[in-house]
Amino acid sequence: MLQRAQAASVDAAVVGTACEEVDAVGRRVIAEHGYGDFFIHRTGHGIGVEAHEDPYIVAGNATPLVPGHAFSIEPGIYIPGRWGARLEDIVVASVDGPDALNTVDHSLCVVES
C-alpha cells in the first residue's frame, strides 16, 4: 500500500497540479487502508540549493507545479513504538509528465541478521 501511495503521488505530479493535491493523492491511498492517522509528515519538498525548499508537497500549498520543479515524493507510515516506513523518489515536473529519477525496485526486502 505504501508503494501504491508513492506511485500515485508521483503520477499526480503533473505540471499545473497544486502541490496540495499531489499530497492528497498519496494520503487517500494510505487512509483507505486504515493508516491515515499514521502519515504524520508532508509528502515531499523541493530539491535544489537547499535540502528542503519550495515547492513543499503538503496540504495547504496551492502552488501549482511548473516545468523544472524538482522535489521528493516520500509518503510514510509510522506506528508509534512498533515500526515506520518511508518510500522516497526524486521527481522533476516536465511538460511530458512527471520524471521519476529513481528507477530501483521498490519491493520490500527482508534482511536476516
Protein backbone atom coordinates (compact mmCIF):
# COMPACT_ATOMS: atom_id res chain seq x y z
CA MET A 1 0.00 0.00 0.00
CA LEU A 2 2.87 2.42 0.70
CA GLN A 3 4.21 1.62 -2.77
CA ARG A 4 0.79 2.42 -4.28
CA ALA A 5 0.59 5.70 -2.37
CA GLN A 6 4.05 6.70 -3.52
CA ALA A 7 3.41 5.74 -7.16
CA ALA A 8 0.04 7.51 -7.18
CA SER A 9 1.64 10.69 -5.85
CA VAL A 10 4.37 10.53 -8.50
CA ASP A 11 1.74 10.02 -11.21
CA ALA A 12 -0.24 13.00 -9.88
CA ALA A 13 2.76 15.34 -10.03
CA VAL A 14 1.98 16.83 -13.43
CA VAL A 15 2.62 20.43 -14.42
CA GLY A 16 -0.25 22.63 -13.26
CA THR A 17 -1.31 20.37 -10.39
CA ALA A 18 -1.35 22.03 -6.97
CA CYS A 19 1.23 20.69 -4.54
CA GLU A 20 -1.54 20.02 -2.00
CA GLU A 21 -3.31 17.74 -4.50
CA VAL A 22 -0.16 15.66 -5.01
CA ASP A 23 0.00 15.31 -1.21
CA ALA A 24 -3.70 14.39 -1.03
CA VAL A 25 -3.43 11.62 -3.62
CA GLY A 26 -0.99 9.53 -1.59
CA ARG A 27 -2.74 10.38 1.67
CA ARG A 28 -6.03 9.00 0.30
CA VAL A 29 -4.41 5.66 -0.56
CA ILE A 30 -2.91 5.35 2.92
CA ALA A 31 -6.16 6.44 4.62
CA GLU A 32 -8.21 3.93 2.60
CA HIS A 33 -6.10 1.18 4.20
CA GLY A 34 -6.65 2.48 7.73
CA TYR A 35 -3.28 4.14 8.26
CA GLY A 36 -4.23 7.78 7.67
CA ASP A 37 -3.56 8.78 11.28
CA PHE A 38 -0.03 7.39 10.96
CA PHE A 39 1.03 9.50 7.96
CA ILE A 40 2.36 12.36 10.07
CA HIS A 41 4.54 14.44 7.73
CA ARG A 42 4.34 16.13 4.35
CA THR A 43 4.58 14.05 1.18
CA GLY A 44 7.63 15.89 -0.08
CA HIS A 45 9.69 19.00 -0.58
CA GLY A 46 11.67 20.78 -3.25
CA ILE A 47 15.22 19.74 -4.05
CA GLY A 48 17.62 22.43 -5.22
CA VAL A 49 20.03 24.76 -3.50
CA GLU A 50 18.78 23.62 -0.09
CA ALA A 51 17.96 20.07 1.00
CA HIS A 52 14.39 21.17 1.84
CA GLU A 53 12.83 24.05 -0.09
CA ASP A 54 9.81 25.04 -2.16
CA PRO A 55 7.78 23.54 -3.59
CA TYR A 56 6.56 21.82 -0.44
CA ILE A 57 4.28 18.90 -1.31
CA VAL A 58 1.89 19.37 1.59
CA ALA A 59 -1.73 20.18 2.44
CA GLY A 60 -2.35 23.92 2.24
CA ASN A 61 0.18 24.61 -0.51
CA ALA A 62 -1.89 25.56 -3.56
CA THR A 63 1.22 26.37 -5.61
CA PRO A 64 0.95 24.65 -9.00
CA LEU A 65 3.88 22.59 -10.23
CA VAL A 66 5.78 24.15 -13.12
CA PRO A 67 8.29 22.61 -15.55
CA GLY A 68 11.64 22.17 -13.85
CA HIS A 69 10.37 21.85 -10.30
CA ALA A 70 12.45 19.10 -8.65
CA PHE A 71 11.05 17.57 -5.48
CA SER A 72 10.82 14.47 -3.34
CA ILE A 73 7.77 12.24 -3.10
CA GLU A 74 8.14 10.37 0.20
CA PRO A 75 4.99 9.19 1.92
CA GLY A 76 5.46 7.31 5.15
CA ILE A 77 3.63 5.43 7.85
CA TYR A 78 4.79 5.47 11.46
CA ILE A 79 3.20 3.20 14.09
CA PRO A 80 4.44 4.53 17.47
CA GLY A 81 6.64 2.07 19.32
CA ARG A 82 6.33 -0.55 16.58
CA TRP A 83 7.65 0.41 13.14
CA GLY A 84 7.88 3.06 10.47
CA ALA A 85 8.42 3.10 6.73
CA ARG A 86 9.00 5.79 4.14
CA LEU A 87 9.45 5.39 0.39
CA GLU A 88 11.21 8.22 -1.46
CA ASP A 89 11.81 9.17 -5.07
CA ILE A 90 13.07 12.42 -6.57
CA VAL A 91 10.77 13.72 -9.32
CA VAL A 92 11.09 16.52 -11.87
CA ALA A 93 7.95 18.11 -13.29
CA SER A 94 8.10 18.36 -17.08
CA VAL A 95 5.69 19.14 -19.88
CA ASP A 96 5.81 15.43 -20.79
CA GLY A 97 4.72 14.38 -17.29
CA PRO A 98 6.47 13.58 -14.04
CA ASP A 99 10.02 12.26 -14.45
CA ALA A 100 10.92 9.98 -11.51
CA LEU A 101 14.71 9.94 -11.28
CA ASN A 102 14.88 6.79 -9.13
CA THR A 103 14.35 3.59 -11.07
CA VAL A 104 15.13 0.94 -8.43
CA ASP A 105 12.70 -1.78 -7.44
CA HIS A 106 10.55 -0.59 -4.53
CA SER A 107 9.70 -4.07 -3.25
CA LEU A 108 10.18 -4.86 0.41
CA CYS A 109 13.37 -6.77 1.12
CA VAL A 110 13.70 -8.59 4.42
CA VAL A 111 17.29 -8.88 5.63
CA GLU A 112 18.05 -11.57 8.18
CA SER A 113 20.61 -10.73 10.84
